[in-house]
Amino acid sequence: MSLGKLSNCTRCDALFVQTVRDICPKCHQAVEKEYEECARYLRKRENRGANIYQVSEATGVSVKQITKFIKEGRISVEGSPSLGYPCESCGTLIRSGNLCESCVRSLQHDITQQSDLDRRLEEERRERQAQAAYKRRTKTGE
């Protein structure tokens, strides 16, 4: 059985023996309190239309932490039509993944363009190599 390793808490930087979590027990308790605060807020019928910024404002829990709760599946977006979290690129509210559809399309377009450019550059490099080899052969009389 492993005893864990000495590590710094990713939240408060305190030194602790890491077993399962990357945060210390004190921070873990604080996160659990934050979760309970968010869950209690969202259980109320009048708050089910709240977006992540309203939840953060009302509970004092950071948008980053609420996003983590949603991504972990601890807070469901199913019964909350306005609840989502910011796209990691542009900040538009999304309900799943890390990027909004627009940013995904843009990224795919950029990847396609880069791939096409790489292919053209490789073709040009091969053409230059073939021309250089042809010139060497013609100089030596082959």
N, C-alpha and C. Protein backbone atom coordinates (compact mmCIF):
# COMPACT_ATOMS: atom_id res chain seq x y z
N MET A 1 0.84 -1.18 0.00
CA MET A 1 0.00 0.00 0.00
C MET A 1 0.88 1.25 0.00
N SER A 2 0.58 2.17 -0.90
CA SER A 2 1.35 3.40 -1.02
C SER A 2 0.87 4.41 0.02
N LEU A 3 1.81 5.12 0.61
CA LEU A 3 1.47 6.11 1.62
C LEU A 3 1.19 7.48 1.03
N GLY A 4 1.48 7.70 -0.21
CA GLY A 4 1.29 9.00 -0.84
C GLY A 4 2.63 9.71 -0.97
N LYS A 5 2.57 10.86 -1.59
CA LYS A 5 3.79 11.63 -1.79
C LYS A 5 3.61 13.04 -1.26
N LEU A 6 4.70 13.65 -0.90
CA LEU A 6 4.67 15.02 -0.42
C LEU A 6 4.44 15.94 -1.61
N SER A 7 3.47 16.84 -1.49
CA SER A 7 3.12 17.70 -2.61
C SER A 7 2.61 19.03 -2.09
N ASN A 8 2.54 20.00 -2.99
CA ASN A 8 1.95 21.30 -2.65
C ASN A 8 0.52 21.33 -3.16
N CYS A 9 -0.37 21.85 -2.34
CA CYS A 9 -1.78 21.98 -2.71
C CYS A 9 -1.88 22.92 -3.91
N THR A 10 -2.64 22.53 -4.91
CA THR A 10 -2.79 23.36 -6.10
C THR A 10 -3.66 24.58 -5.85
N ARG A 11 -4.34 24.59 -4.73
CA ARG A 11 -5.21 25.73 -4.40
C ARG A 11 -4.54 26.73 -3.48
N CYS A 12 -3.90 26.24 -2.41
CA CYS A 12 -3.32 27.17 -1.41
C CYS A 12 -1.81 27.05 -1.30
N ASP A 13 -1.22 26.11 -2.01
CA ASP A 13 0.22 25.87 -2.04
C ASP A 13 0.79 25.30 -0.74
N ALA A 14 -0.09 24.88 0.17
CA ALA A 14 0.38 24.27 1.43
C ALA A 14 0.98 22.90 1.13
N LEU A 15 1.95 22.52 1.92
CA LEU A 15 2.57 21.20 1.79
C LEU A 15 1.67 20.17 2.46
N PHE A 16 1.42 19.04 1.78
CA PHE A 16 0.60 17.98 2.36
C PHE A 16 0.97 16.66 1.72
N VAL A 17 0.51 15.57 2.33
CA VAL A 17 0.75 14.25 1.78
C VAL A 17 -0.37 13.94 0.80
N GLN A 18 -0.03 13.87 -0.48
CA GLN A 18 -1.02 13.66 -1.53
C GLN A 18 -1.30 12.18 -1.68
N THR A 19 -2.57 11.82 -1.61
CA THR A 19 -2.96 10.44 -1.85
C THR A 19 -3.81 10.37 -3.11
N VAL A 20 -5.03 10.92 -3.04
CA VAL A 20 -5.94 10.86 -4.19
C VAL A 20 -6.11 12.23 -4.85
N ARG A 21 -6.29 13.25 -4.05
CA ARG A 21 -6.58 14.60 -4.56
C ARG A 21 -5.31 15.43 -4.69
N ASP A 22 -5.40 16.47 -5.53
CA ASP A 22 -4.26 17.38 -5.69
C ASP A 22 -4.42 18.62 -4.80
N ILE A 23 -5.41 18.58 -3.90
CA ILE A 23 -5.59 19.66 -2.93
C ILE A 23 -5.51 19.09 -1.53
N CYS A 24 -5.14 19.94 -0.59
CA CYS A 24 -4.99 19.51 0.80
C CYS A 24 -6.37 19.28 1.43
N PRO A 25 -6.42 18.57 2.55
CA PRO A 25 -7.71 18.30 3.21
C PRO A 25 -8.49 19.58 3.56
N LYS A 26 -7.79 20.61 3.98
CA LYS A 26 -8.45 21.87 4.34
C LYS A 26 -9.14 22.48 3.11
N CYS A 27 -8.44 22.50 1.99
CA CYS A 27 -9.03 23.04 0.76
C CYS A 27 -10.15 22.14 0.26
N HIS A 28 -10.00 20.83 0.43
CA HIS A 28 -11.04 19.90 0.02
C HIS A 28 -12.34 20.21 0.77
N GLN A 29 -12.23 20.47 2.06
CA GLN A 29 -13.41 20.83 2.85
C GLN A 29 -14.02 22.12 2.33
N ALA A 30 -13.18 23.08 2.00
CA ALA A 30 -13.66 24.37 1.47
C ALA A 30 -14.38 24.16 0.14
N VAL A 31 -13.83 23.30 -0.73
CA VAL A 31 -14.46 23.02 -2.02
C VAL A 31 -15.81 22.35 -1.81
N GLU A 32 -15.88 21.42 -0.87
CA GLU A 32 -17.15 20.75 -0.58
C GLU A 32 -18.19 21.75 -0.08
N LYS A 33 -17.77 22.71 0.73
CA LYS A 33 -18.69 23.75 1.20
C LYS A 33 -19.17 24.59 0.02
N GLU A 34 -18.25 24.91 -0.89
CA GLU A 34 -18.62 25.68 -2.08
C GLU A 34 -19.62 24.91 -2.94
N TYR A 35 -19.39 23.62 -3.07
CA TYR A 35 -20.31 22.79 -3.85
C TYR A 35 -21.71 22.81 -3.21
N GLU A 36 -21.74 22.61 -1.91
CA GLU A 36 -23.02 22.62 -1.21
C GLU A 36 -23.74 23.95 -1.38
N GLU A 37 -22.99 25.04 -1.32
CA GLU A 37 -23.57 26.38 -1.49
C GLU A 37 -24.18 26.51 -2.89
N CYS A 38 -23.45 26.07 -3.91
CA CYS A 38 -23.95 26.14 -5.29
C CYS A 38 -25.18 25.24 -5.47
N ALA A 39 -25.10 24.02 -4.97
CA ALA A 39 -26.20 23.07 -5.12
C ALA A 39 -27.45 23.60 -4.42
N ARG A 40 -27.28 24.14 -3.22
CA ARG A 40 -28.41 24.70 -2.46
C ARG A 40 -29.06 25.85 -3.25
N TYR A 41 -28.22 26.71 -3.82
CA TYR A 41 -28.72 27.84 -4.60
C TYR A 41 -29.50 27.35 -5.83
N LEU A 42 -28.95 26.38 -6.53
CA LEU A 42 -29.59 25.91 -7.77
C LEU A 42 -30.83 25.05 -7.53
N ARG A 43 -30.97 24.50 -6.33
CA ARG A 43 -32.16 23.69 -6.02
C ARG A 43 -33.42 24.55 -5.94
N LYS A 44 -33.25 25.82 -5.62
CA LYS A 44 -34.40 26.70 -5.49
C LYS A 44 -34.98 26.98 -6.88
N ARG A 45 -36.27 26.81 -6.99
CA ARG A 45 -36.96 26.97 -8.28
C ARG A 45 -36.67 28.32 -8.93
N GLU A 46 -36.64 29.38 -8.15
CA GLU A 46 -36.45 30.72 -8.72
C GLU A 46 -35.03 30.94 -9.26
N ASN A 47 -34.10 30.05 -8.91
CA ASN A 47 -32.71 30.22 -9.35
C ASN A 47 -32.34 29.30 -10.52
N ARG A 48 -33.28 28.48 -10.98
CA ARG A 48 -32.95 27.51 -12.03
C ARG A 48 -32.65 28.15 -13.37
N GLY A 49 -32.99 29.41 -13.55
CA GLY A 49 -32.69 30.12 -14.80
C GLY A 49 -31.40 30.92 -14.71
N ALA A 50 -30.68 30.78 -13.60
CA ALA A 50 -29.46 31.56 -13.40
C ALA A 50 -28.34 31.07 -14.29
N ASN A 51 -27.50 32.01 -14.72
CA ASN A 51 -26.30 31.62 -15.47
C ASN A 51 -25.14 31.49 -14.47
N ILE A 52 -23.99 31.08 -14.95
CA ILE A 52 -22.86 30.81 -14.07
C ILE A 52 -22.38 32.05 -13.32
N TYR A 53 -22.50 33.20 -13.97
CA TYR A 53 -22.06 34.44 -13.33
C TYR A 53 -23.00 34.83 -12.19
N GLN A 54 -24.30 34.60 -12.38
CA GLN A 54 -25.26 34.87 -11.32
C GLN A 54 -25.07 33.91 -10.15
N VAL A 55 -24.79 32.64 -10.45
CA VAL A 55 -24.53 31.66 -9.40
C VAL A 55 -23.28 32.06 -8.62
N SER A 56 -22.25 32.46 -9.33
CA SER A 56 -21.01 32.89 -8.69
C SER A 56 -21.24 34.10 -7.80
N GLU A 57 -21.96 35.07 -8.31
CA GLU A 57 -22.25 36.29 -7.56
C GLU A 57 -23.06 35.98 -6.29
N ALA A 58 -24.06 35.13 -6.43
CA ALA A 58 -24.94 34.83 -5.30
C ALA A 58 -24.27 33.95 -4.24
N THR A 59 -23.37 33.08 -4.66
CA THR A 59 -22.77 32.12 -3.72
C THR A 59 -21.37 32.51 -3.26
N GLY A 60 -20.71 33.37 -4.03
CA GLY A 60 -19.32 33.72 -3.72
C GLY A 60 -18.32 32.69 -4.21
N VAL A 61 -18.79 31.70 -4.95
CA VAL A 61 -17.93 30.66 -5.51
C VAL A 61 -17.44 31.13 -6.87
N SER A 62 -16.16 30.94 -7.15
CA SER A 62 -15.59 31.42 -8.41
C SER A 62 -16.19 30.70 -9.62
N VAL A 63 -16.21 31.41 -10.73
CA VAL A 63 -16.69 30.83 -11.99
C VAL A 63 -15.83 29.61 -12.34
N LYS A 64 -14.54 29.70 -12.08
CA LYS A 64 -13.63 28.60 -12.36
C LYS A 64 -14.02 27.34 -11.57
N GLN A 65 -14.35 27.52 -10.30
CA GLN A 65 -14.73 26.37 -9.47
C GLN A 65 -16.08 25.81 -9.89
N ILE A 66 -17.03 26.67 -10.22
CA ILE A 66 -18.34 26.20 -10.68
C ILE A 66 -18.18 25.43 -11.99
N THR A 67 -17.32 25.95 -12.88
CA THR A 67 -17.02 25.25 -14.13
C THR A 67 -16.49 23.85 -13.84
N LYS A 68 -15.61 23.75 -12.88
CA LYS A 68 -15.05 22.45 -12.50
C LYS A 68 -16.15 21.51 -12.00
N PHE A 69 -17.07 22.03 -11.20
CA PHE A 69 -18.19 21.22 -10.71
C PHE A 69 -19.03 20.69 -11.87
N ILE A 70 -19.29 21.55 -12.85
CA ILE A 70 -20.09 21.13 -14.01
C ILE A 70 -19.34 20.07 -14.80
N LYS A 71 -18.05 20.30 -15.09
CA LYS A 71 -17.27 19.35 -15.88
C LYS A 71 -17.12 18.01 -15.17
N GLU A 72 -17.07 18.04 -13.85
CA GLU A 72 -16.99 16.79 -13.07
C GLU A 72 -18.33 16.08 -12.99
N GLY A 73 -19.40 16.75 -13.41
CA GLY A 73 -20.73 16.16 -13.36
C GLY A 73 -21.40 16.34 -12.01
N ARG A 74 -20.82 17.13 -11.14
CA ARG A 74 -21.41 17.35 -9.82
C ARG A 74 -22.57 18.33 -9.89
N ILE A 75 -22.50 19.27 -10.81
CA ILE A 75 -23.62 20.18 -11.08
C ILE A 75 -24.07 19.89 -12.50
N SER A 76 -25.35 19.60 -12.64
CA SER A 76 -25.90 19.28 -13.95
C SER A 76 -26.47 20.52 -14.62
N VAL A 77 -26.25 20.63 -15.91
CA VAL A 77 -26.82 21.73 -16.68
C VAL A 77 -28.20 21.36 -17.23
N GLU A 78 -28.60 20.11 -17.06
CA GLU A 78 -29.86 19.61 -17.62
C GLU A 78 -31.08 20.42 -17.21
N GLY A 79 -31.28 20.64 -15.93
CA GLY A 79 -32.47 21.35 -15.47
C GLY A 79 -32.30 22.85 -15.43
N SER A 80 -31.17 23.34 -15.88
CA SER A 80 -30.89 24.78 -15.84
C SER A 80 -30.55 25.27 -17.24
N PRO A 81 -31.55 25.77 -17.96
CA PRO A 81 -31.34 26.14 -19.36
C PRO A 81 -30.29 27.23 -19.59
N SER A 82 -30.06 28.10 -18.63
CA SER A 82 -29.10 29.18 -18.80
C SER A 82 -27.72 28.86 -18.26
N LEU A 83 -27.61 27.72 -17.59
CA LEU A 83 -26.35 27.38 -16.94
C LEU A 83 -25.38 26.76 -17.93
N GLY A 84 -24.22 27.30 -18.00
CA GLY A 84 -23.13 26.80 -18.83
C GLY A 84 -21.86 27.39 -18.26
N TYR A 85 -20.77 27.18 -18.95
CA TYR A 85 -19.48 27.73 -18.49
C TYR A 85 -18.76 28.31 -19.69
N PRO A 86 -17.77 29.17 -19.43
CA PRO A 86 -17.12 29.88 -20.54
C PRO A 86 -16.25 28.98 -21.43
N CYS A 87 -16.36 29.20 -22.73
CA CYS A 87 -15.46 28.58 -23.71
C CYS A 87 -14.04 28.99 -23.33
N GLU A 88 -13.11 28.06 -23.40
CA GLU A 88 -11.73 28.35 -23.00
C GLU A 88 -11.02 29.30 -23.96
N SER A 89 -11.62 29.55 -25.12
CA SER A 89 -10.99 30.44 -26.08
C SER A 89 -11.62 31.83 -26.08
N CYS A 90 -12.94 31.88 -26.23
CA CYS A 90 -13.59 33.19 -26.41
C CYS A 90 -14.47 33.61 -25.24
N GLY A 91 -14.82 32.69 -24.36
CA GLY A 91 -15.63 33.04 -23.19
C GLY A 91 -17.13 32.89 -23.38
N THR A 92 -17.58 32.53 -24.58
CA THR A 92 -19.00 32.28 -24.80
C THR A 92 -19.44 31.13 -23.90
N LEU A 93 -20.64 31.23 -23.33
CA LEU A 93 -21.12 30.15 -22.47
C LEU A 93 -21.44 28.90 -23.29
N ILE A 94 -20.93 27.77 -22.82
CA ILE A 94 -21.16 26.47 -23.46
C ILE A 94 -21.66 25.50 -22.40
N ARG A 95 -22.16 24.36 -22.83
CA ARG A 95 -22.72 23.38 -21.89
C ARG A 95 -21.94 22.08 -21.86
N SER A 96 -21.00 21.91 -22.78
CA SER A 96 -20.16 20.71 -22.76
C SER A 96 -18.86 21.00 -23.51
N GLY A 97 -17.87 20.17 -23.24
CA GLY A 97 -16.58 20.33 -23.91
C GLY A 97 -15.78 21.48 -23.35
N ASN A 98 -14.79 21.93 -24.12
CA ASN A 98 -13.93 23.02 -23.70
C ASN A 98 -14.04 24.24 -24.60
N LEU A 99 -14.53 24.04 -25.84
CA LEU A 99 -14.62 25.12 -26.82
C LEU A 99 -16.03 25.20 -27.39
N CYS A 100 -16.46 26.41 -27.74
CA CYS A 100 -17.76 26.58 -28.41
C CYS A 100 -17.63 26.11 -29.86
N GLU A 101 -18.76 25.94 -30.51
CA GLU A 101 -18.77 25.46 -31.90
C GLU A 101 -17.98 26.39 -32.82
N SER A 102 -18.12 27.68 -32.62
CA SER A 102 -17.41 28.65 -33.46
C SER A 102 -15.90 28.49 -33.33
N CYS A 103 -15.42 28.34 -32.11
CA CYS A 103 -13.97 28.18 -31.89
C CYS A 103 -13.48 26.83 -32.42
N VAL A 104 -14.31 25.79 -32.31
CA VAL A 104 -13.94 24.48 -32.85
C VAL A 104 -13.79 24.59 -34.36
N ARG A 105 -14.78 25.24 -35.03
CA ARG A 105 -14.70 25.41 -36.49
C ARG A 105 -13.47 26.21 -36.89
N SER A 106 -13.20 27.27 -36.15
CA SER A 106 -12.03 28.11 -36.42
C SER A 106 -10.74 27.31 -36.26
N LEU A 107 -10.67 26.53 -35.20
CA LEU A 107 -9.49 25.70 -34.96
C LEU A 107 -9.32 24.65 -36.06
N GLN A 108 -10.43 24.02 -36.46
CA GLN A 108 -10.37 23.04 -37.54
C GLN A 108 -9.91 23.70 -38.83
N HIS A 109 -10.40 24.90 -39.10
CA HIS A 109 -9.99 25.63 -40.30
C HIS A 109 -8.49 25.92 -40.26
N ASP A 110 -8.01 26.39 -39.10
CA ASP A 110 -6.59 26.69 -38.95
C ASP A 110 -5.73 25.44 -39.14
N ILE A 111 -6.20 24.33 -38.60
CA ILE A 111 -5.45 23.07 -38.74
C ILE A 111 -5.41 22.64 -40.20
N THR A 112 -6.53 22.76 -40.89
CA THR A 112 -6.59 22.41 -42.32
C THR A 112 -5.65 23.29 -43.12
N GLN A 113 -5.67 24.60 -42.85
CA GLN A 113 -4.78 25.51 -43.56
C GLN A 113 -3.32 25.17 -43.31
N GLN A 114 -2.98 24.90 -42.06
CA GLN A 114 -1.60 24.57 -41.72
C GLN A 114 -1.18 23.26 -42.38
N SER A 115 -2.08 22.30 -42.40
CA SER A 115 -1.80 21.02 -43.03
C SER A 115 -1.56 21.20 -44.53
N ASP A 116 -2.40 22.02 -45.17
CA ASP A 116 -2.23 22.31 -46.60
C ASP A 116 -0.89 23.01 -46.85
N LEU A 117 -0.55 23.96 -46.01
CA LEU A 117 0.72 24.67 -46.14
C LEU A 117 1.90 23.71 -45.97
N ASP A 118 1.82 22.85 -44.96
CA ASP A 118 2.88 21.86 -44.73
C ASP A 118 3.04 20.94 -45.94
N ARG A 119 1.93 20.53 -46.52
CA ARG A 119 1.96 19.64 -47.70
C ARG A 119 2.61 20.36 -48.89
N ARG A 120 2.23 21.64 -49.11
CA ARG A 120 2.82 22.40 -50.22
C ARG A 120 4.33 22.60 -50.01
N LEU A 121 4.72 22.93 -48.79
CA LEU A 121 6.15 23.12 -48.50
C LEU A 121 6.94 21.83 -48.70
N GLU A 122 6.35 20.71 -48.32
CA GLU A 122 7.02 19.42 -48.51
C GLU A 122 7.15 19.10 -50.00
N GLU A 123 6.11 19.39 -50.76
CA GLU A 123 6.18 19.17 -52.21
C GLU A 123 7.26 20.05 -52.84
N GLU A 124 7.35 21.31 -52.42
CA GLU A 124 8.38 22.21 -52.93
C GLU A 124 9.77 21.73 -52.56
N ARG A 125 9.93 21.24 -51.33
CA ARG A 125 11.23 20.73 -50.89
C ARG A 125 11.64 19.53 -51.74
N ARG A 126 10.71 18.63 -51.99
CA ARG A 126 11.01 17.45 -52.82
C ARG A 126 11.35 17.86 -54.25
N GLU A 127 10.64 18.85 -54.78
CA GLU A 127 10.91 19.34 -56.13
C GLU A 127 12.32 19.93 -56.21
N ARG A 128 12.70 20.73 -55.19
CA ARG A 128 14.05 21.31 -55.16
C ARG A 128 15.10 20.20 -55.08
N GLN A 129 14.84 19.18 -54.27
CA GLN A 129 15.79 18.06 -54.16
C GLN A 129 15.92 17.34 -55.50
N ALA A 130 14.78 17.13 -56.18
CA ALA A 130 14.81 16.44 -57.47
C ALA A 130 15.56 17.28 -58.50
N GLN A 131 15.35 18.60 -58.49
CA GLN A 131 16.06 19.47 -59.42
C GLN A 131 17.56 19.47 -59.13
N ALA A 132 17.92 19.51 -57.86
CA ALA A 132 19.34 19.50 -57.49
C ALA A 132 19.98 18.18 -57.92
N ALA A 133 19.27 17.08 -57.73
CA ALA A 133 19.81 15.78 -58.14
C ALA A 133 19.94 15.71 -59.65
N TYR A 134 18.99 16.26 -60.39
CA TYR A 134 19.05 16.27 -61.84
C TYR A 134 20.26 17.09 -62.32
N LYS A 135 20.47 18.27 -61.67
CA LYS A 135 21.61 19.10 -62.04
C LYS A 135 22.93 18.38 -61.78
N ARG A 136 23.02 17.67 -60.66
CA ARG A 136 24.25 16.93 -60.36
C ARG A 136 24.50 15.84 -61.39
N ARG A 137 23.42 15.16 -61.79
CA ARG A 137 23.57 14.09 -62.79
C ARG A 137 24.00 14.66 -64.13
N THR A 138 23.42 15.78 -64.53
CA THR A 138 23.76 16.37 -65.83
C THR A 138 25.17 16.94 -65.82
N LYS A 139 25.67 17.41 -64.68
CA LYS A 139 27.02 17.92 -64.59
C LYS A 139 28.03 16.78 -64.72
N THR A 140 27.71 15.65 -64.16
CA THR A 140 28.65 14.52 -64.18
C THR A 140 28.48 13.69 -65.45
N GLY A 141 27.50 13.99 -66.23
CA GLY A 141 27.31 13.29 -67.48
C GLY A 141 26.60 11.96 -67.37
N GLU A 142 25.84 11.76 -66.35
CA GLU A 142 25.14 10.47 -66.18
C GLU A 142 23.96 10.35 -67.07
